[in-house]
Amino acid sequence: MKYQITINSANTVDEIEEYWTNEDYVKLLEKFDYPDAADADPSTLRELLFMAISDFEPRDAAVVVLEYKLSEDLNEGQIQQISNDMFLDKVCEEYPEIGLHAKLFHINQLLFKAYNGKFPNAKATIVTLTIAPLESENEIQLTKEYVLKLLSKGLSDGNLIKRLFDHAMNENAPFPEAEDVLWDLTTTDNLNYTILTSEYWLNKEDIIASEFEGILEIPAEAE
């Protein structure tokens, strides 16, 4: 099945502000011993959280936020180890379980902002694109896996996704890792899409074509 892909924009960002909700801020403020957080003006919650966090040592603060977001995924020892590693490396890029990269990115950047750069600064990439079918019968719903496969021809050979997952990206083979490589895929019309991922996986320089055709072969196991 053939598609015309048009890259409309590609931007590098250091946080996704809407990821953290007011409810998150209130719960975190409580964990950082701030009283009556629920009664505070919602527009001040983020600033109040940064003030509350600053009263804690950075490693202790990292443990609190990691436990809040990842207590169901990691044990106490793993959380302690990550809280130490976060000062030295971009754990959100290097942690072996790529399914945790997105949450680790958001945690890292919250701490980076709160401590004015004491943690490494990680980046994310947001790409908006149009994927138009060239054959009328192409009425399938595009998943993260299919979108990545269609992007392949527009990415440089040096792109990390293509290097690590060459077979899955370029052959009729399942690509389950795509669910974790792309953090988010949204569309309102099944034509124009927005994807969010780590700069580690995809940076603006990896995109070498703004318009190109892609051929999608549905993996046998998905049919």
C-alpha atoms as a PDB file:
ATOM      1  CA  MET A   1       0.000   0.000   0.000  1.00  0.00           C
ATOM      2  CA  LYS A   2       1.453   3.331  -1.100  1.00  0.00           C
ATOM      3  CA  TYR A   3       1.359   6.610   0.806  1.00  0.00           C
ATOM      4  CA  GLN A   4       2.576  10.148   0.225  1.00  0.00           C
ATOM      5  CA  ILE A   5       4.349  11.471   3.314  1.00  0.00           C
ATOM      6  CA  THR A   6       4.869  15.189   3.877  1.00  0.00           C
ATOM      7  CA  ILE A   7       6.867  16.450   6.846  1.00  0.00           C
ATOM      8  CA  ASN A   8       5.197  19.680   7.948  1.00  0.00           C
ATOM      9  CA  SER A   9       7.396  20.526  10.932  1.00  0.00           C
ATOM     10  CA  ALA A  10      10.026  19.082  13.251  1.00  0.00           C
ATOM     11  CA  ASN A  11      10.818  20.737  16.564  1.00  0.00           C
ATOM     12  CA  THR A  12      13.092  20.013  19.498  1.00  0.00           C
ATOM     13  CA  VAL A  13      11.677  20.672  22.968  1.00  0.00           C
ATOM     14  CA  ASP A  14      12.963  20.195  26.500  1.00  0.00           C
ATOM     15  CA  GLU A  15       9.612  19.506  28.144  1.00  0.00           C
ATOM     16  CA  ILE A  16       5.985  18.671  27.460  1.00  0.00           C
ATOM     17  CA  GLU A  17       4.238  21.018  29.865  1.00  0.00           C
ATOM     18  CA  GLU A  18       0.820  19.397  29.574  1.00  0.00           C
ATOM     19  CA  TYR A  19       2.230  16.057  30.773  1.00  0.00           C
ATOM     20  CA  TRP A  20       2.083  17.183  34.402  1.00  0.00           C
ATOM     21  CA  THR A  21      -1.466  17.914  35.547  1.00  0.00           C
ATOM     22  CA  ASN A  22      -2.610  20.070  38.443  1.00  0.00           C
ATOM     23  CA  GLU A  23      -3.504  16.847  40.234  1.00  0.00           C
ATOM     24  CA  ASP A  24       0.104  15.683  39.826  1.00  0.00           C
ATOM     25  CA  TYR A  25       1.390  18.968  41.239  1.00  0.00           C
ATOM     26  CA  VAL A  26      -0.918  18.748  44.269  1.00  0.00           C
ATOM     27  CA  LYS A  27       0.072  15.154  45.036  1.00  0.00           C
ATOM     28  CA  LEU A  28       3.772  15.925  44.629  1.00  0.00           C
ATOM     29  CA  LEU A  29       3.484  19.015  46.831  1.00  0.00           C
ATOM     30  CA  GLU A  30       2.014  16.819  49.548  1.00  0.00           C
ATOM     31  CA  LYS A  31       4.948  14.413  49.196  1.00  0.00           C
ATOM     32  CA  PHE A  32       7.323  17.375  49.533  1.00  0.00           C
ATOM     33  CA  ASP A  33       5.627  18.406  52.797  1.00  0.00           C
ATOM     34  CA  TYR A  34       3.775  21.421  51.423  1.00  0.00           C
ATOM     35  CA  PRO A  35       0.526  21.876  53.414  1.00  0.00           C
ATOM     36  CA  ASP A  36      -2.872  22.668  51.894  1.00  0.00           C
ATOM     37  CA  ALA A  37      -1.679  22.272  48.313  1.00  0.00           C
ATOM     38  CA  ALA A  38      -5.212  21.482  47.175  1.00  0.00           C
ATOM     39  CA  ASP A  39      -6.333  24.975  48.224  1.00  0.00           C
ATOM     40  CA  ALA A  40      -3.643  26.801  46.239  1.00  0.00           C
ATOM     41  CA  ASP A  41      -4.333  28.769  43.064  1.00  0.00           C
ATOM     42  CA  PRO A  42      -3.908  26.229  40.218  1.00  0.00           C
ATOM     43  CA  SER A  43      -1.830  28.719  38.233  1.00  0.00           C
ATOM     44  CA  THR A  44       0.788  28.766  41.021  1.00  0.00           C
ATOM     45  CA  LEU A  45       1.100  25.011  41.607  1.00  0.00           C
ATOM     46  CA  ARG A  46       4.142  24.460  39.399  1.00  0.00           C
ATOM     47  CA  GLU A  47       6.042  27.362  40.971  1.00  0.00           C
ATOM     48  CA  LEU A  48       5.078  26.186  44.457  1.00  0.00           C
ATOM     49  CA  LEU A  49       6.318  22.690  43.644  1.00  0.00           C
ATOM     50  CA  PHE A  50       9.688  24.007  42.482  1.00  0.00           C
ATOM     51  CA  MET A  51      10.001  25.991  45.719  1.00  0.00           C
ATOM     52  CA  ALA A  52       9.105  22.933  47.800  1.00  0.00           C
ATOM     53  CA  ILE A  53      11.515  20.702  45.879  1.00  0.00           C
ATOM     54  CA  SER A  54      14.380  23.152  46.450  1.00  0.00           C
ATOM     55  CA  ASP A  55      14.221  22.416  50.190  1.00  0.00           C
ATOM     56  CA  PHE A  56      15.320  18.832  49.456  1.00  0.00           C
ATOM     57  CA  GLU A  57      18.646  17.457  48.310  1.00  0.00           C
ATOM     58  CA  PRO A  58      18.451  16.724  44.561  1.00  0.00           C
ATOM     59  CA  ARG A  59      18.909  12.952  44.981  1.00  0.00           C
ATOM     60  CA  ASP A  60      16.197  12.819  47.638  1.00  0.00           C
ATOM     61  CA  ALA A  61      13.864  14.801  45.398  1.00  0.00           C
ATOM     62  CA  ALA A  62      14.589  12.448  42.512  1.00  0.00           C
ATOM     63  CA  VAL A  63      13.599   9.478  44.669  1.00  0.00           C
ATOM     64  CA  VAL A  64      10.294  11.141  45.593  1.00  0.00           C
ATOM     65  CA  VAL A  65       9.333  11.881  41.980  1.00  0.00           C
ATOM     66  CA  LEU A  66      10.539   8.487  40.727  1.00  0.00           C
ATOM     67  CA  GLU A  67       8.494   6.703  43.388  1.00  0.00           C
ATOM     68  CA  TYR A  68       5.450   8.798  42.504  1.00  0.00           C
ATOM     69  CA  LYS A  69       5.579   7.907  38.808  1.00  0.00           C
ATOM     70  CA  LEU A  70       7.344   4.546  38.668  1.00  0.00           C
ATOM     71  CA  SER A  71       6.641   2.676  41.917  1.00  0.00           C
ATOM     72  CA  GLU A  72       4.626   0.085  39.978  1.00  0.00           C
ATOM     73  CA  ASP A  73       7.438  -0.459  37.473  1.00  0.00           C
ATOM     74  CA  LEU A  74      10.589  -0.347  39.620  1.00  0.00           C
ATOM     75  CA  ASN A  75      11.606  -1.655  43.017  1.00  0.00           C
ATOM     76  CA  GLU A  76      13.228   0.437  45.739  1.00  0.00           C
ATOM     77  CA  GLY A  77      16.761  -0.567  44.777  1.00  0.00           C
ATOM     78  CA  GLN A  78      16.213   0.325  41.122  1.00  0.00           C
ATOM     79  CA  ILE A  79      14.774   3.712  42.074  1.00  0.00           C
ATOM     80  CA  GLN A  80      17.755   4.449  44.327  1.00  0.00           C
ATOM     81  CA  GLN A  81      20.162   3.487  41.542  1.00  0.00           C
ATOM     82  CA  ILE A  82      18.400   5.647  38.963  1.00  0.00           C
ATOM     83  CA  SER A  83      18.320   8.613  41.361  1.00  0.00           C
ATOM     84  CA  ASN A  84      22.124   8.402  41.523  1.00  0.00           C
ATOM     85  CA  ASP A  85      22.631   7.778  37.809  1.00  0.00           C
ATOM     86  CA  MET A  86      20.470  10.757  36.824  1.00  0.00           C
ATOM     87  CA  PHE A  87      23.255  13.159  37.833  1.00  0.00           C
ATOM     88  CA  LEU A  88      25.764  11.552  35.496  1.00  0.00           C
ATOM     89  CA  ASP A  89      23.814  10.344  32.471  1.00  0.00           C
ATOM     90  CA  LYS A  90      20.602  10.865  30.562  1.00  0.00           C
ATOM     91  CA  VAL A  91      18.917   7.837  32.099  1.00  0.00           C
ATOM     92  CA  CYS A  92      15.823   8.530  30.007  1.00  0.00           C
ATOM     93  CA  GLU A  93      17.904   7.643  26.939  1.00  0.00           C
ATOM     94  CA  GLU A  94      20.106   4.885  28.316  1.00  0.00           C
ATOM     95  CA  TYR A  95      17.849   2.840  30.599  1.00  0.00           C
ATOM     96  CA  PRO A  96      17.592  -0.689  29.135  1.00  0.00           C
ATOM     97  CA  GLU A  97      13.785  -0.854  29.389  1.00  0.00           C
ATOM     98  CA  ILE A  98      12.778   1.523  26.605  1.00  0.00           C
ATOM     99  CA  GLY A  99       9.168   1.355  27.732  1.00  0.00           C
ATOM    100  CA  LEU A 100      10.164   3.579  30.672  1.00  0.00           C
ATOM    101  CA  HIS A 101      12.029   6.191  28.614  1.00  0.00           C
ATOM    102  CA  ALA A 102       9.049   8.530  28.253  1.00  0.00           C
ATOM    103  CA  LYS A 103       8.247   8.670  31.981  1.00  0.00           C
ATOM    104  CA  LEU A 104      11.939   9.025  32.819  1.00  0.00           C
ATOM    105  CA  PHE A 105      12.195  11.939  30.385  1.00  0.00           C
ATOM    106  CA  HIS A 106       9.311  13.805  32.011  1.00  0.00           C
ATOM    107  CA  ILE A 107      10.729  13.151  35.490  1.00  0.00           C
ATOM    108  CA  ASN A 108      14.228  14.214  34.447  1.00  0.00           C
ATOM    109  CA  GLN A 109      13.042  17.460  32.898  1.00  0.00           C
ATOM    110  CA  LEU A 110      10.867  18.376  35.873  1.00  0.00           C
ATOM    111  CA  LEU A 111      13.932  18.006  38.096  1.00  0.00           C
ATOM    112  CA  PHE A 112      16.159  19.788  35.558  1.00  0.00           C
ATOM    113  CA  LYS A 113      13.840  22.802  35.636  1.00  0.00           C
ATOM    114  CA  ALA A 114      13.378  22.722  39.411  1.00  0.00           C
ATOM    115  CA  TYR A 115      17.125  22.648  40.098  1.00  0.00           C
ATOM    116  CA  ASN A 116      18.195  25.010  37.298  1.00  0.00           C
ATOM    117  CA  GLY A 117      20.315  22.494  35.445  1.00  0.00           C
ATOM    118  CA  LYS A 118      21.785  20.196  38.109  1.00  0.00           C
ATOM    119  CA  PHE A 119      20.390  17.263  36.138  1.00  0.00           C
ATOM    120  CA  PRO A 120      21.379  16.591  32.494  1.00  0.00           C
ATOM    121  CA  ASN A 121      19.123  18.300  29.966  1.00  0.00           C
ATOM    122  CA  ALA A 122      17.320  15.787  27.747  1.00  0.00           C
ATOM    123  CA  LYS A 123      15.348  16.696  24.635  1.00  0.00           C
ATOM    124  CA  ALA A 124      12.299  15.411  22.803  1.00  0.00           C
ATOM    125  CA  THR A 125      11.283  15.724  19.163  1.00  0.00           C
ATOM    126  CA  ILE A 126       7.811  16.629  17.916  1.00  0.00           C
ATOM    127  CA  VAL A 127       7.078  15.991  14.245  1.00  0.00           C
ATOM    128  CA  THR A 128       3.892  16.938  12.422  1.00  0.00           C
ATOM    129  CA  LEU A 129       3.294  15.158   9.150  1.00  0.00           C
ATOM    130  CA  THR A 130       0.663  14.325   6.581  1.00  0.00           C
ATOM    131  CA  ILE A 131       0.277  10.711   5.480  1.00  0.00           C
ATOM    132  CA  ALA A 132      -2.032  10.494   2.483  1.00  0.00           C
ATOM    133  CA  PRO A 133      -2.986   7.162   0.879  1.00  0.00           C
ATOM    134  CA  LEU A 134      -2.289   6.929  -2.846  1.00  0.00           C
ATOM    135  CA  GLU A 135      -4.698   4.046  -3.259  1.00  0.00           C
ATOM    136  CA  SER A 136      -8.357   4.419  -2.376  1.00  0.00           C
ATOM    137  CA  GLU A 137      -8.517   1.073  -0.606  1.00  0.00           C
ATOM    138  CA  ASN A 138      -5.950   2.175   1.989  1.00  0.00           C
ATOM    139  CA  GLU A 139      -8.444   2.555   4.794  1.00  0.00           C
ATOM    140  CA  ILE A 140      -6.417   0.995   7.592  1.00  0.00           C
ATOM    141  CA  GLN A 141      -5.717   2.753  10.877  1.00  0.00           C
ATOM    142  CA  LEU A 142      -2.074   3.760  11.094  1.00  0.00           C
ATOM    143  CA  THR A 143      -0.375   2.615  14.289  1.00  0.00           C
ATOM    144  CA  LYS A 144       2.974   3.721  15.716  1.00  0.00           C
ATOM    145  CA  GLU A 145       4.561   0.736  13.984  1.00  0.00           C
ATOM    146  CA  TYR A 146       3.114   1.623  10.581  1.00  0.00           C
ATOM    147  CA  VAL A 147       4.025   5.307  10.886  1.00  0.00           C
ATOM    148  CA  LEU A 148       7.654   4.483  11.696  1.00  0.00           C
ATOM    149  CA  LYS A 149       7.880   2.067   8.769  1.00  0.00           C
ATOM    150  CA  LEU A 150       6.481   4.727   6.433  1.00  0.00           C
ATOM    151  CA  LEU A 151       9.003   7.273   7.726  1.00  0.00           C
ATOM    152  CA  SER A 152      11.968   5.052   6.882  1.00  0.00           C
ATOM    153  CA  LYS A 153      12.673   6.468   3.406  1.00  0.00           C
ATOM    154  CA  GLY A 154      12.730  10.010   4.746  1.00  0.00           C
ATOM    155  CA  LEU A 155      15.303   9.281   7.460  1.00  0.00           C
ATOM    156  CA  SER A 156      19.077   9.189   7.149  1.00  0.00           C
ATOM    157  CA  ASP A 157      20.880   5.864   7.366  1.00  0.00           C
ATOM    158  CA  GLY A 158      22.517   7.140  10.543  1.00  0.00           C
ATOM    159  CA  ASN A 159      19.210   7.421  12.383  1.00  0.00           C
ATOM    160  CA  LEU A 160      19.289   5.246  15.501  1.00  0.00           C
ATOM    161  CA  ILE A 161      15.900   3.637  14.862  1.00  0.00           C
ATOM    162  CA  LYS A 162      16.997   2.500  11.407  1.00  0.00           C
ATOM    163  CA  ARG A 163      20.332   1.241  12.713  1.00  0.00           C
ATOM    164  CA  LEU A 164      18.935  -0.726  15.656  1.00  0.00           C
ATOM    165  CA  PHE A 165      15.744  -1.967  14.021  1.00  0.00           C
ATOM    166  CA  ASP A 166      16.803  -2.207  10.381  1.00  0.00           C
ATOM    167  CA  HIS A 167      14.949  -5.460   9.681  1.00  0.00           C
ATOM    168  CA  ALA A 168      11.689  -4.329  11.271  1.00  0.00           C
ATOM    169  CA  MET A 169      11.825  -0.895   9.632  1.00  0.00           C
ATOM    170  CA  ASN A 170      12.478  -2.117   6.113  1.00  0.00           C
ATOM    171  CA  GLU A 171      10.983  -5.593   5.884  1.00  0.00           C
ATOM    172  CA  ASN A 172       7.568  -7.163   6.275  1.00  0.00           C
ATOM    173  CA  ALA A 173       8.272  -7.986   9.914  1.00  0.00           C
ATOM    174  CA  PRO A 174       6.596  -7.143  13.230  1.00  0.00           C
ATOM    175  CA  PHE A 175       7.973  -4.116  15.075  1.00  0.00           C
ATOM    176  CA  PRO A 176       6.607  -4.268  18.652  1.00  0.00           C
ATOM    177  CA  GLU A 177       9.310  -1.886  19.930  1.00  0.00           C
ATOM    178  CA  ALA A 178       7.623   0.917  17.968  1.00  0.00           C
ATOM    179  CA  GLU A 179       5.095   1.279  20.794  1.00  0.00           C
ATOM    180  CA  ASP A 180       7.901   2.446  23.084  1.00  0.00           C
ATOM    181  CA  VAL A 181      10.091   4.242  20.529  1.00  0.00           C
ATOM    182  CA  LEU A 182       7.227   6.605  19.696  1.00  0.00           C
ATOM    183  CA  TRP A 183       5.914   8.068  22.941  1.00  0.00           C
ATOM    184  CA  ASP A 184       2.750   9.455  21.406  1.00  0.00           C
ATOM    185  CA  LEU A 185       0.900   9.405  18.087  1.00  0.00           C
ATOM    186  CA  THR A 186      -2.157  11.598  17.587  1.00  0.00           C
ATOM    187  CA  THR A 187      -4.463  12.500  14.720  1.00  0.00           C
ATOM    188  CA  THR A 188      -7.898  14.045  14.407  1.00  0.00           C
ATOM    189  CA  ASP A 189      -8.577  13.142  10.792  1.00  0.00           C
ATOM    190  CA  ASN A 190      -6.440  10.056   9.965  1.00  0.00           C
ATOM    191  CA  LEU A 191      -4.488  12.242   7.562  1.00  0.00           C
ATOM    192  CA  ASN A 192      -2.492  14.726   9.639  1.00  0.00           C
ATOM    193  CA  TYR A 193      -0.443  13.254  12.470  1.00  0.00           C
ATOM    194  CA  THR A 194       1.736  14.423  15.343  1.00  0.00           C
ATOM    195  CA  ILE A 195       4.404  12.161  16.781  1.00  0.00           C
ATOM    196  CA  LEU A 196       6.417  12.607  19.965  1.00  0.00           C
ATOM    197  CA  THR A 197       9.638  10.772  20.728  1.00  0.00           C
ATOM    198  CA  SER A 198      13.056  11.265  22.260  1.00  0.00           C
ATOM    199  CA  GLU A 199      15.713  13.239  20.424  1.00  0.00           C
ATOM    200  CA  TYR A 200      17.801  10.152  21.169  1.00  0.00           C
ATOM    201  CA  TRP A 201      15.662   8.151  18.731  1.00  0.00           C
ATOM    202  CA  LEU A 202      14.899  10.881  16.217  1.00  0.00           C
ATOM    203  CA  ASN A 203      16.346  14.360  15.848  1.00  0.00           C
ATOM    204  CA  LYS A 204      15.600  17.011  13.255  1.00  0.00           C
ATOM    205  CA  GLU A 205      18.824  16.324  11.366  1.00  0.00           C
ATOM    206  CA  ASP A 206      17.743  12.704  10.816  1.00  0.00           C
ATOM    207  CA  ILE A 207      14.954  13.890   8.510  1.00  0.00           C
ATOM    208  CA  ILE A 208      16.510  14.155   5.052  1.00  0.00           C
ATOM    209  CA  ALA A 209      13.376  14.582   2.918  1.00  0.00           C
ATOM    210  CA  SER A 210      10.273  16.697   3.385  1.00  0.00           C
ATOM    211  CA  GLU A 211       8.171  14.810   0.835  1.00  0.00           C
ATOM    212  CA  PHE A 212       8.489  11.184  -0.199  1.00  0.00           C
ATOM    213  CA  GLU A 213       6.497   8.053  -0.931  1.00  0.00           C
ATOM    214  CA  GLY A 214       6.316   5.109   1.401  1.00  0.00           C
ATOM    215  CA  ILE A 215       5.123   1.565   0.905  1.00  0.00           C
ATOM    216  CA  LEU A 216       3.488  -0.215   3.807  1.00  0.00           C
ATOM    217  CA  GLU A 217       3.417  -3.977   3.949  1.00  0.00           C
ATOM    218  CA  ILE A 218       1.331  -5.319   6.797  1.00  0.00           C
ATOM    219  CA  PRO A 219       3.393  -7.836   8.818  1.00  0.00           C
ATOM    220  CA  ALA A 220       2.050 -11.357   8.477  1.00  0.00           C
ATOM    221  CA  GLU A 221       1.340 -11.655  12.218  1.00  0.00           C
ATOM    222  CA  ALA A 222      -0.793  -8.491  12.116  1.00  0.00           C
ATOM    223  CA  GLU A 223      -3.084  -9.609   9.316  1.00  0.00           C
END
